[in-house]
Amino acid sequence: MEPAVAAIQQLLEEVYEVDPGYRAEQFLFSDPQTLERLRPGDPHAPEEQLLLRQEDDGIALALYLSSGLLDRLQQDDPLHRLHEGNLADLCLAIEGVSHFLYLAWNA
């Protein structure tokens, strides 16, 4: 479980007043080789990416946050002390979790 991801989701659920019934950590992966298999030939190496595939009985959903991003969030937790050095990482994580919440809530 990624504590930063769980905490960000909890805060966003309170702000948005939603409970999608799913936890982002259950859909989270950080392996760049897996991302490459899911997005072959993409020359960009994002630190955050929400992946979505429509299937006959619903959607397949995965949230990629790079291991580097997750490590930085753990080492310098912006939810305990926000500063210029960790703001961008917090914004990336919020973006990914927020997109996850939106899709999970509406799907």
PDB file of N, CA and C in Angstrom:
ATOM      1  N   MET A   1       0.840  -1.184   0.000  1.00  0.00           N
ATOM      2  CA  MET A   1       0.000   0.000   0.000  1.00  0.00           C
ATOM      3  C   MET A   1       0.884   1.245   0.000  1.00  0.00           C
ATOM      4  N   GLU A   2       0.506   2.217  -0.768  1.00  0.00           N
ATOM      5  CA  GLU A   2       1.236   3.469  -0.810  1.00  0.00           C
ATOM      6  C   GLU A   2       0.516   4.483   0.071  1.00  0.00           C
ATOM      7  N   PRO A   3       1.109   4.827   1.214  1.00  0.00           N
ATOM      8  CA  PRO A   3       0.440   5.750   2.144  1.00  0.00           C
ATOM      9  C   PRO A   3       0.106   7.094   1.515  1.00  0.00           C
ATOM     10  N   ALA A   4       1.005   7.648   0.700  1.00  0.00           N
ATOM     11  CA  ALA A   4       0.731   8.949   0.095  1.00  0.00           C
ATOM     12  C   ALA A   4      -0.475   8.875  -0.829  1.00  0.00           C
ATOM     13  N   VAL A   5      -0.571   7.813  -1.610  1.00  0.00           N
ATOM     14  CA  VAL A   5      -1.695   7.657  -2.535  1.00  0.00           C
ATOM     15  C   VAL A   5      -3.001   7.508  -1.768  1.00  0.00           C
ATOM     16  N   ALA A   6      -2.979   6.713  -0.718  1.00  0.00           N
ATOM     17  CA  ALA A   6      -4.180   6.527   0.107  1.00  0.00           C
ATOM     18  C   ALA A   6      -4.611   7.835   0.760  1.00  0.00           C
ATOM     19  N   ALA A   7      -3.649   8.581   1.272  1.00  0.00           N
ATOM     20  CA  ALA A   7      -3.970   9.851   1.934  1.00  0.00           C
ATOM     21  C   ALA A   7      -4.506  10.867   0.932  1.00  0.00           C
ATOM     22  N   ILE A   8      -3.903  10.929  -0.245  1.00  0.00           N
ATOM     23  CA  ILE A   8      -4.384  11.852  -1.276  1.00  0.00           C
ATOM     24  C   ILE A   8      -5.794  11.483  -1.695  1.00  0.00           C
ATOM     25  N   GLN A   9      -6.063  10.194  -1.872  1.00  0.00           N
ATOM     26  CA  GLN A   9      -7.411   9.784  -2.260  1.00  0.00           C
ATOM     27  C   GLN A   9      -8.419  10.162  -1.172  1.00  0.00           C
ATOM     28  N   GLN A  10      -8.080   9.932   0.075  1.00  0.00           N
ATOM     29  CA  GLN A  10      -8.988  10.264   1.170  1.00  0.00           C
ATOM     30  C   GLN A  10      -9.316  11.760   1.176  1.00  0.00           C
ATOM     31  N   LEU A  11      -8.304  12.590   1.013  1.00  0.00           N
ATOM     32  CA  LEU A  11      -8.525  14.038   0.985  1.00  0.00           C
ATOM     33  C   LEU A  11      -9.384  14.452  -0.209  1.00  0.00           C
ATOM     34  N   LEU A  12      -9.110  13.885  -1.379  1.00  0.00           N
ATOM     35  CA  LEU A  12      -9.901  14.226  -2.562  1.00  0.00           C
ATOM     36  C   LEU A  12     -11.350  13.748  -2.434  1.00  0.00           C
ATOM     37  N   GLU A  13     -11.551  12.577  -1.843  1.00  0.00           N
ATOM     38  CA  GLU A  13     -12.919  12.096  -1.636  1.00  0.00           C
ATOM     39  C   GLU A  13     -13.697  13.046  -0.735  1.00  0.00           C
ATOM     40  N   GLU A  14     -13.036  13.588   0.271  1.00  0.00           N
ATOM     41  CA  GLU A  14     -13.693  14.551   1.159  1.00  0.00           C
ATOM     42  C   GLU A  14     -14.025  15.845   0.420  1.00  0.00           C
ATOM     43  N   VAL A  15     -13.101  16.328  -0.396  1.00  0.00           N
ATOM     44  CA  VAL A  15     -13.330  17.557  -1.152  1.00  0.00           C
ATOM     45  C   VAL A  15     -14.449  17.354  -2.171  1.00  0.00           C
ATOM     46  N   TYR A  16     -14.396  16.248  -2.919  1.00  0.00           N
ATOM     47  CA  TYR A  16     -15.375  15.983  -3.970  1.00  0.00           C
ATOM     48  C   TYR A  16     -16.684  15.401  -3.430  1.00  0.00           C
ATOM     49  N   GLU A  17     -16.649  14.961  -2.174  1.00  0.00           N
ATOM     50  CA  GLU A  17     -17.811  14.305  -1.550  1.00  0.00           C
ATOM     51  C   GLU A  17     -18.264  13.089  -2.351  1.00  0.00           C
ATOM     52  N   VAL A  18     -17.300  12.202  -2.635  1.00  0.00           N
ATOM     53  CA  VAL A  18     -17.578  10.964  -3.354  1.00  0.00           C
ATOM     54  C   VAL A  18     -16.898   9.802  -2.650  1.00  0.00           C
ATOM     55  N   ASP A  19     -17.417   8.626  -2.875  1.00  0.00           N
ATOM     56  CA  ASP A  19     -16.780   7.384  -2.450  1.00  0.00           C
ATOM     57  C   ASP A  19     -16.991   6.385  -3.580  1.00  0.00           C
ATOM     58  N   PRO A  20     -15.972   6.193  -4.417  1.00  0.00           N
ATOM     59  CA  PRO A  20     -16.158   5.335  -5.585  1.00  0.00           C
ATOM     60  C   PRO A  20     -16.215   3.848  -5.243  1.00  0.00           C
ATOM     61  N   GLY A  21     -15.851   3.481  -4.035  1.00  0.00           N
ATOM     62  CA  GLY A  21     -15.858   2.077  -3.667  1.00  0.00           C
ATOM     63  C   GLY A  21     -14.604   1.336  -4.085  1.00  0.00           C
ATOM     64  N   TYR A  22     -13.644   2.041  -4.638  1.00  0.00           N
ATOM     65  CA  TYR A  22     -12.378   1.456  -5.072  1.00  0.00           C
ATOM     66  C   TYR A  22     -11.231   2.284  -4.513  1.00  0.00           C
ATOM     67  N   ARG A  23     -10.129   1.642  -4.255  1.00  0.00           N
ATOM     68  CA  ARG A  23      -8.934   2.311  -3.751  1.00  0.00           C
ATOM     69  C   ARG A  23      -7.900   2.381  -4.875  1.00  0.00           C
ATOM     70  N   ALA A  24      -7.346   3.545  -5.079  1.00  0.00           N
ATOM     71  CA  ALA A  24      -6.359   3.739  -6.145  1.00  0.00           C
ATOM     72  C   ALA A  24      -5.179   2.789  -5.995  1.00  0.00           C
ATOM     73  N   GLU A  25      -4.788   2.485  -4.754  1.00  0.00           N
ATOM     74  CA  GLU A  25      -3.633   1.601  -4.545  1.00  0.00           C
ATOM     75  C   GLU A  25      -3.865   0.216  -5.153  1.00  0.00           C
ATOM     76  N   GLN A  26      -5.128  -0.197  -5.267  1.00  0.00           N
ATOM     77  CA  GLN A  26      -5.447  -1.502  -5.846  1.00  0.00           C
ATOM     78  C   GLN A  26      -5.179  -1.536  -7.353  1.00  0.00           C
ATOM     79  N   PHE A  27      -5.102  -0.380  -7.967  1.00  0.00           N
ATOM     80  CA  PHE A  27      -4.919  -0.267  -9.412  1.00  0.00           C
ATOM     81  C   PHE A  27      -3.560   0.335  -9.761  1.00  0.00           C
ATOM     82  N   LEU A  28      -2.736   0.538  -8.753  1.00  0.00           N
ATOM     83  CA  LEU A  28      -1.466   1.232  -8.893  1.00  0.00           C
ATOM     84  C   LEU A  28      -0.343   0.293  -9.313  1.00  0.00           C
ATOM     85  N   PHE A  29       0.483   0.766 -10.244  1.00  0.00           N
ATOM     86  CA  PHE A  29       1.721   0.058 -10.566  1.00  0.00           C
ATOM     87  C   PHE A  29       2.800   1.097 -10.841  1.00  0.00           C
ATOM     88  N   SER A  30       4.056   0.691 -10.680  1.00  0.00           N
ATOM     89  CA  SER A  30       5.158   1.634 -10.865  1.00  0.00           C
ATOM     90  C   SER A  30       6.293   1.063 -11.715  1.00  0.00           C
ATOM     91  N   ASP A  31       6.068  -0.090 -12.307  1.00  0.00           N
ATOM     92  CA  ASP A  31       7.103  -0.737 -13.099  1.00  0.00           C
ATOM     93  C   ASP A  31       7.136  -0.145 -14.515  1.00  0.00           C
ATOM     94  N   PRO A  32       8.249   0.482 -14.919  1.00  0.00           N
ATOM     95  CA  PRO A  32       8.296   1.102 -16.249  1.00  0.00           C
ATOM     96  C   PRO A  32       8.212   0.093 -17.393  1.00  0.00           C
ATOM     97  N   GLN A  33       8.667  -1.150 -17.184  1.00  0.00           N
ATOM     98  CA  GLN A  33       8.566  -2.160 -18.238  1.00  0.00           C
ATOM     99  C   GLN A  33       7.099  -2.532 -18.492  1.00  0.00           C
ATOM    100  N   THR A  34       6.315  -2.583 -17.431  1.00  0.00           N
ATOM    101  CA  THR A  34       4.886  -2.850 -17.600  1.00  0.00           C
ATOM    102  C   THR A  34       4.229  -1.712 -18.362  1.00  0.00           C
ATOM    103  N   LEU A  35       4.604  -0.493 -18.037  1.00  0.00           N
ATOM    104  CA  LEU A  35       4.060   0.654 -18.768  1.00  0.00           C
ATOM    105  C   LEU A  35       4.440   0.568 -20.242  1.00  0.00           C
ATOM    106  N   GLU A  36       5.661   0.193 -20.533  1.00  0.00           N
ATOM    107  CA  GLU A  36       6.108   0.062 -21.924  1.00  0.00           C
ATOM    108  C   GLU A  36       5.309  -1.013 -22.660  1.00  0.00           C
ATOM    109  N   ARG A  37       5.002  -2.125 -21.980  1.00  0.00           N
ATOM    110  CA  ARG A  37       4.189  -3.173 -22.614  1.00  0.00           C
ATOM    111  C   ARG A  37       2.776  -2.676 -22.887  1.00  0.00           C
ATOM    112  N   LEU A  38       2.248  -1.845 -21.998  1.00  0.00           N
ATOM    113  CA  LEU A  38       0.894  -1.341 -22.173  1.00  0.00           C
ATOM    114  C   LEU A  38       0.823  -0.202 -23.180  1.00  0.00           C
ATOM    115  N   ARG A  39       1.932   0.501 -23.354  1.00  0.00           N
ATOM    116  CA  ARG A  39       2.004   1.636 -24.282  1.00  0.00           C
ATOM    117  C   ARG A  39       3.220   1.471 -25.173  1.00  0.00           C
ATOM    118  N   PRO A  40       3.271   0.445 -25.999  1.00  0.00           N
ATOM    119  CA  PRO A  40       4.476   0.181 -26.796  1.00  0.00           C
ATOM    120  C   PRO A  40       4.794   1.322 -27.751  1.00  0.00           C
ATOM    121  N   GLY A  41       6.080   1.603 -27.842  1.00  0.00           N
ATOM    122  CA  GLY A  41       6.542   2.593 -28.799  1.00  0.00           C
ATOM    123  C   GLY A  41       6.377   4.031 -28.368  1.00  0.00           C
ATOM    124  N   ASP A  42       5.846   4.296 -27.195  1.00  0.00           N
ATOM    125  CA  ASP A  42       5.691   5.664 -26.723  1.00  0.00           C
ATOM    126  C   ASP A  42       7.049   6.152 -26.216  1.00  0.00           C
ATOM    127  N   PRO A  43       7.635   7.162 -26.856  1.00  0.00           N
ATOM    128  CA  PRO A  43       8.979   7.597 -26.468  1.00  0.00           C
ATOM    129  C   PRO A  43       9.017   8.380 -25.160  1.00  0.00           C
ATOM    130  N   HIS A  44       7.874   8.838 -24.690  1.00  0.00           N
ATOM    131  CA  HIS A  44       7.830   9.623 -23.464  1.00  0.00           C
ATOM    132  C   HIS A  44       7.752   8.694 -22.258  1.00  0.00           C
ATOM    133  N   ALA A  45       8.417   9.067 -21.204  1.00  0.00           N
ATOM    134  CA  ALA A  45       8.390   8.289 -19.963  1.00  0.00           C
ATOM    135  C   ALA A  45       7.706   9.134 -18.893  1.00  0.00           C
ATOM    136  N   PRO A  46       6.386   9.100 -18.839  1.00  0.00           N
ATOM    137  CA  PRO A  46       5.685   9.938 -17.869  1.00  0.00           C
ATOM    138  C   PRO A  46       5.897   9.425 -16.449  1.00  0.00           C
ATOM    139  N   GLU A  47       5.728  10.300 -15.487  1.00  0.00           N
ATOM    140  CA  GLU A  47       5.788   9.875 -14.090  1.00  0.00           C
ATOM    141  C   GLU A  47       4.393   9.542 -13.578  1.00  0.00           C
ATOM    142  N   GLU A  48       3.389   9.967 -14.310  1.00  0.00           N
ATOM    143  CA  GLU A  48       1.998   9.706 -13.932  1.00  0.00           C
ATOM    144  C   GLU A  48       1.213   9.427 -15.196  1.00  0.00           C
ATOM    145  N   GLN A  49       0.403   8.379 -15.154  1.00  0.00           N
ATOM    146  CA  GLN A  49      -0.419   8.043 -16.315  1.00  0.00           C
ATOM    147  C   GLN A  49      -1.589   7.189 -15.855  1.00  0.00           C
ATOM    148  N   LEU A  50      -2.789   7.565 -16.241  1.00  0.00           N
ATOM    149  CA  LEU A  50      -3.957   6.733 -16.003  1.00  0.00           C
ATOM    150  C   LEU A  50      -4.241   6.000 -17.301  1.00  0.00           C
ATOM    151  N   LEU A  51      -4.285   4.690 -17.227  1.00  0.00           N
ATOM    152  CA  LEU A  51      -4.508   3.862 -18.405  1.00  0.00           C
ATOM    153  C   LEU A  51      -5.919   3.299 -18.353  1.00  0.00           C
ATOM    154  N   LEU A  52      -6.575   3.306 -19.487  1.00  0.00           N
ATOM    155  CA  LEU A  52      -7.969   2.915 -19.564  1.00  0.00           C
ATOM    156  C   LEU A  52      -8.187   2.133 -20.849  1.00  0.00           C
ATOM    157  N   ARG A  53      -8.918   1.021 -20.719  1.00  0.00           N
ATOM    158  CA  ARG A  53      -9.265   0.231 -21.903  1.00  0.00           C
ATOM    159  C   ARG A  53     -10.711  -0.222 -21.745  1.00  0.00           C
ATOM    160  N   GLN A  54     -11.521   0.054 -22.753  1.00  0.00           N
ATOM    161  CA  GLN A  54     -12.903  -0.388 -22.725  1.00  0.00           C
ATOM    162  C   GLN A  54     -12.960  -1.872 -23.058  1.00  0.00           C
ATOM    163  N   GLU A  55     -13.746  -2.606 -22.286  1.00  0.00           N
ATOM    164  CA  GLU A  55     -13.950  -4.032 -22.513  1.00  0.00           C
ATOM    165  C   GLU A  55     -15.438  -4.294 -22.642  1.00  0.00           C
ATOM    166  N   ASP A  56     -15.798  -5.496 -23.046  1.00  0.00           N
ATOM    167  CA  ASP A  56     -17.209  -5.827 -23.253  1.00  0.00           C
ATOM    168  C   ASP A  56     -18.048  -5.626 -21.996  1.00  0.00           C
ATOM    169  N   ASP A  57     -17.482  -5.966 -20.843  1.00  0.00           N
ATOM    170  CA  ASP A  57     -18.257  -5.898 -19.605  1.00  0.00           C
ATOM    171  C   ASP A  57     -17.867  -4.724 -18.716  1.00  0.00           C
ATOM    172  N   GLY A  58     -17.185  -3.728 -19.245  1.00  0.00           N
ATOM    173  CA  GLY A  58     -16.800  -2.571 -18.448  1.00  0.00           C
ATOM    174  C   GLY A  58     -15.496  -1.976 -18.945  1.00  0.00           C
ATOM    175  N   ILE A  59     -14.681  -1.537 -17.999  1.00  0.00           N
ATOM    176  CA  ILE A  59     -13.394  -0.953 -18.354  1.00  0.00           C
ATOM    177  C   ILE A  59     -12.287  -1.602 -17.538  1.00  0.00           C
ATOM    178  N   ALA A  60     -11.103  -1.599 -18.106  1.00  0.00           N
ATOM    179  CA  ALA A  60      -9.896  -1.988 -17.385  1.00  0.00           C
ATOM    180  C   ALA A  60      -9.176  -0.682 -17.065  1.00  0.00           C
ATOM    181  N   LEU A  61      -8.722  -0.560 -15.841  1.00  0.00           N
ATOM    182  CA  LEU A  61      -8.172   0.695 -15.361  1.00  0.00           C
ATOM    183  C   LEU A  61      -6.887   0.422 -14.599  1.00  0.00           C
ATOM    184  N   ALA A  62      -5.873   1.235 -14.811  1.00  0.00           N
ATOM    185  CA  ALA A  62      -4.616   1.124 -14.068  1.00  0.00           C
ATOM    186  C   ALA A  62      -4.038   2.521 -13.892  1.00  0.00           C
ATOM    187  N   LEU A  63      -3.442   2.756 -12.744  1.00  0.00           N
ATOM    188  CA  LEU A  63      -2.804   4.033 -12.450  1.00  0.00           C
ATOM    189  C   LEU A  63      -1.306   3.803 -12.324  1.00  0.00           C
ATOM    190  N   TYR A  64      -0.544   4.456 -13.198  1.00  0.00           N
ATOM    191  CA  TYR A  64       0.909   4.370 -13.142  1.00  0.00           C
ATOM    192  C   TYR A  64       1.459   5.615 -12.462  1.00  0.00           C
ATOM    193  N   LEU A  65       2.215   5.411 -11.401  1.00  0.00           N
ATOM    194  CA  LEU A  65       3.034   6.450 -10.787  1.00  0.00           C
ATOM    195  C   LEU A  65       4.438   5.873 -10.730  1.00  0.00           C
ATOM    196  N   SER A  66       5.398   6.591 -11.263  1.00  0.00           N
ATOM    197  CA  SER A  66       6.752   6.054 -11.331  1.00  0.00           C
ATOM    198  C   SER A  66       7.292   5.754  -9.933  1.00  0.00           C
ATOM    199  N   SER A  67       8.180   4.781  -9.874  1.00  0.00           N
ATOM    200  CA  SER A  67       8.782   4.432  -8.586  1.00  0.00           C
ATOM    201  C   SER A  67       9.574   5.609  -8.029  1.00  0.00           C
ATOM    202  N   GLY A  68      10.175   6.402  -8.911  1.00  0.00           N
ATOM    203  CA  GLY A  68      10.897   7.593  -8.462  1.00  0.00           C
ATOM    204  C   GLY A  68       9.970   8.594  -7.795  1.00  0.00           C
ATOM    205  N   LEU A  69       8.801   8.812  -8.387  1.00  0.00           N
ATOM    206  CA  LEU A  69       7.809   9.714  -7.804  1.00  0.00           C
ATOM    207  C   LEU A  69       7.346   9.194  -6.448  1.00  0.00           C
ATOM    208  N   LEU A  70       7.024   7.919  -6.378  1.00  0.00           N
ATOM    209  CA  LEU A  70       6.573   7.332  -5.113  1.00  0.00           C
ATOM    210  C   LEU A  70       7.655   7.406  -4.043  1.00  0.00           C
ATOM    211  N   ASP A  71       8.907   7.168  -4.433  1.00  0.00           N
ATOM    212  CA  ASP A  71      10.016   7.268  -3.478  1.00  0.00           C
ATOM    213  C   ASP A  71      10.159   8.689  -2.952  1.00  0.00           C
ATOM    214  N   ARG A  72      10.080   9.661  -3.857  1.00  0.00           N
ATOM    215  CA  ARG A  72      10.215  11.061  -3.418  1.00  0.00           C
ATOM    216  C   ARG A  72       9.075  11.462  -2.497  1.00  0.00           C
ATOM    217  N   LEU A  73       7.866  11.011  -2.787  1.00  0.00           N
ATOM    218  CA  LEU A  73       6.732  11.328  -1.913  1.00  0.00           C
ATOM    219  C   LEU A  73       6.908  10.709  -0.527  1.00  0.00           C
ATOM    220  N   GLN A  74       7.486   9.521  -0.485  1.00  0.00           N
ATOM    221  CA  GLN A  74       7.709   8.859   0.798  1.00  0.00           C
ATOM    222  C   GLN A  74       8.836   9.536   1.577  1.00  0.00           C
ATOM    223  N   GLN A  75       9.898   9.914   0.897  1.00  0.00           N
ATOM    224  CA  GLN A  75      11.050  10.510   1.571  1.00  0.00           C
ATOM    225  C   GLN A  75      10.795  11.941   2.028  1.00  0.00           C
ATOM    226  N   ASP A  76       9.994  12.676   1.282  1.00  0.00           N
ATOM    227  CA  ASP A  76       9.730  14.085   1.597  1.00  0.00           C
ATOM    228  C   ASP A  76       8.234  14.333   1.441  1.00  0.00           C
ATOM    229  N   ASP A  77       7.465  13.797   2.376  1.00  0.00           N
ATOM    230  CA  ASP A  77       6.007  13.774   2.301  1.00  0.00           C
ATOM    231  C   ASP A  77       5.412  15.183   2.300  1.00  0.00           C
ATOM    232  N   PRO A  78       4.838  15.606   1.173  1.00  0.00           N
ATOM    233  CA  PRO A  78       4.254  16.943   1.102  1.00  0.00           C
ATOM    234  C   PRO A  78       2.990  17.099   1.948  1.00  0.00           C
ATOM    235  N   LEU A  79       2.405  16.001   2.367  1.00  0.00           N
ATOM    236  CA  LEU A  79       1.221  16.111   3.223  1.00  0.00           C
ATOM    237  C   LEU A  79       1.601  16.432   4.662  1.00  0.00           C
ATOM    238  N   HIS A  80       2.879  16.289   4.982  1.00  0.00           N
ATOM    239  CA  HIS A  80       3.367  16.679   6.307  1.00  0.00           C
ATOM    240  C   HIS A  80       4.093  18.015   6.269  1.00  0.00           C
ATOM    241  N   ARG A  81       4.791  18.280   5.172  1.00  0.00           N
ATOM    242  CA  ARG A  81       5.516  19.545   5.030  1.00  0.00           C
ATOM    243  C   ARG A  81       5.636  19.861   3.547  1.00  0.00           C
ATOM    244  N   LEU A  82       4.811  20.771   3.085  1.00  0.00           N
ATOM    245  CA  LEU A  82       4.813  21.168   1.683  1.00  0.00           C
ATOM    246  C   LEU A  82       5.796  22.312   1.469  1.00  0.00           C
ATOM    247  N   HIS A  83       6.605  22.201   0.426  1.00  0.00           N
ATOM    248  CA  HIS A  83       7.549  23.264   0.091  1.00  0.00           C
ATOM    249  C   HIS A  83       7.820  23.210  -1.414  1.00  0.00           C
ATOM    250  N   GLU A  84       8.581  24.142  -1.892  1.00  0.00           N
ATOM    251  CA  GLU A  84       8.854  24.250  -3.316  1.00  0.00           C
ATOM    252  C   GLU A  84       9.476  22.982  -3.897  1.00  0.00           C
ATOM    253  N   GLY A  85      10.234  22.250  -3.106  1.00  0.00           N
ATOM    254  CA  GLY A  85      10.914  21.066  -3.588  1.00  0.00           C
ATOM    255  C   GLY A  85      10.031  19.844  -3.777  1.00  0.00           C
ATOM    256  N   ASN A  86       8.854  19.800  -3.144  1.00  0.00           N
ATOM    257  CA  ASN A  86       7.999  18.622  -3.291  1.00  0.00           C
ATOM    258  C   ASN A  86       6.607  18.945  -3.859  1.00  0.00           C
ATOM    259  N   LEU A  87       6.378  20.206  -4.188  1.00  0.00           N
ATOM    260  CA  LEU A  87       5.080  20.614  -4.716  1.00  0.00           C
ATOM    261  C   LEU A  87       4.755  19.946  -6.047  1.00  0.00           C
ATOM    262  N   ALA A  88       5.717  19.897  -6.964  1.00  0.00           N
ATOM    263  CA  ALA A  88       5.462  19.292  -8.283  1.00  0.00           C
ATOM    264  C   ALA A  88       5.112  17.816  -8.159  1.00  0.00           C
ATOM    265  N   ASP A  89       5.807  17.102  -7.259  1.00  0.00           N
ATOM    266  CA  ASP A  89       5.499  15.681  -7.054  1.00  0.00           C
ATOM    267  C   ASP A  89       4.097  15.503  -6.493  1.00  0.00           C
ATOM    268  N   LEU A  90       3.714  16.354  -5.560  1.00  0.00           N
ATOM    269  CA  LEU A  90       2.365  16.283  -5.000  1.00  0.00           C
ATOM    270  C   LEU A  90       1.330  16.535  -6.096  1.00  0.00           C
ATOM    271  N   CYS A  91       1.570  17.517  -6.938  1.00  0.00           N
ATOM    272  CA  CYS A  91       0.621  17.824  -8.014  1.00  0.00           C
ATOM    273  C   CYS A  91       0.468  16.653  -8.985  1.00  0.00           C
ATOM    274  N   LEU A  92       1.575  15.987  -9.320  1.00  0.00           N
ATOM    275  CA  LEU A  92       1.499  14.814 -10.199  1.00  0.00           C
ATOM    276  C   LEU A  92       0.659  13.708  -9.564  1.00  0.00           C
ATOM    277  N   ALA A  93       0.899  13.446  -8.303  1.00  0.00           N
ATOM    278  CA  ALA A  93       0.145  12.397  -7.618  1.00  0.00           C
ATOM    279  C   ALA A  93      -1.331  12.768  -7.505  1.00  0.00           C
ATOM    280  N   ILE A  94      -1.619  14.017  -7.192  1.00  0.00           N
ATOM    281  CA  ILE A  94      -3.017  14.474  -7.117  1.00  0.00           C
ATOM    282  C   ILE A  94      -3.690  14.318  -8.473  1.00  0.00           C
ATOM    283  N   GLU A  95      -2.989  14.677  -9.535  1.00  0.00           N
ATOM    284  CA  GLU A  95      -3.565  14.554 -10.879  1.00  0.00           C
ATOM    285  C   GLU A  95      -3.953  13.105 -11.170  1.00  0.00           C
ATOM    286  N   GLY A  96      -3.044  12.177 -10.914  1.00  0.00           N
ATOM    287  CA  GLY A  96      -3.336  10.773 -11.191  1.00  0.00           C
ATOM    288  C   GLY A  96      -4.469  10.229 -10.348  1.00  0.00           C
ATOM    289  N   VAL A  97      -4.445  10.513  -9.051  1.00  0.00           N
ATOM    290  CA  VAL A  97      -5.489  10.006  -8.163  1.00  0.00           C
ATOM    291  C   VAL A  97      -6.822  10.672  -8.472  1.00  0.00           C
ATOM    292  N   SER A  98      -6.801  11.942  -8.796  1.00  0.00           N
ATOM    293  CA  SER A  98      -8.039  12.647  -9.144  1.00  0.00           C
ATOM    294  C   SER A  98      -8.663  12.063 -10.411  1.00  0.00           C
ATOM    295  N   HIS A  99      -7.853  11.792 -11.413  1.00  0.00           N
ATOM    296  CA  HIS A  99      -8.384  11.175 -12.636  1.00  0.00           C
ATOM    297  C   HIS A  99      -8.930   9.777 -12.345  1.00  0.00           C
ATOM    298  N   PHE A 100      -8.221   9.029 -11.506  1.00  0.00           N
ATOM    299  CA  PHE A 100      -8.705   7.717 -11.105  1.00  0.00           C
ATOM    300  C   PHE A 100     -10.080   7.842 -10.437  1.00  0.00           C
ATOM    301  N   LEU A 101     -10.197   8.770  -9.491  1.00  0.00           N
ATOM    302  CA  LEU A 101     -11.476   8.955  -8.794  1.00  0.00           C
ATOM    303  C   LEU A 101     -12.594   9.310  -9.759  1.00  0.00           C
ATOM    304  N   TYR A 102     -12.317  10.209 -10.674  1.00  0.00           N
ATOM    305  CA  TYR A 102     -13.330  10.620 -11.635  1.00  0.00           C
ATOM    306  C   TYR A 102     -13.846   9.427 -12.433  1.00  0.00           C
ATOM    307  N   LEU A 103     -12.931   8.635 -12.968  1.00  0.00           N
ATOM    308  CA  LEU A 103     -13.340   7.478 -13.765  1.00  0.00           C
ATOM    309  C   LEU A 103     -14.021   6.412 -12.915  1.00  0.00           C
ATOM    310  N   ALA A 104     -13.476   6.129 -11.743  1.00  0.00           N
ATOM    311  CA  ALA A 104     -14.076   5.112 -10.875  1.00  0.00           C
ATOM    312  C   ALA A 104     -15.463   5.527 -10.435  1.00  0.00           C
ATOM    313  N   TRP A 105     -15.668   6.778 -10.154  1.00  0.00           N
ATOM    314  CA  TRP A 105     -16.961   7.285  -9.702  1.00  0.00           C
ATOM    315  C   TRP A 105     -17.989   7.235 -10.833  1.00  0.00           C
ATOM    316  N   ASN A 106     -17.574   7.578 -12.034  1.00  0.00           N
ATOM    317  CA  ASN A 106     -18.498   7.628 -13.161  1.00  0.00           C
ATOM    318  C   ASN A 106     -18.683   6.298 -13.874  1.00  0.00           C
ATOM    319  N   ALA A 107     -17.742   5.396 -13.710  1.00  0.00           N
ATOM    320  CA  ALA A 107     -17.853   4.103 -14.373  1.00  0.00           C
ATOM    321  C   ALA A 107     -18.820   3.236 -13.597  1.00  0.00           C
TER     322      ALA A 107
END
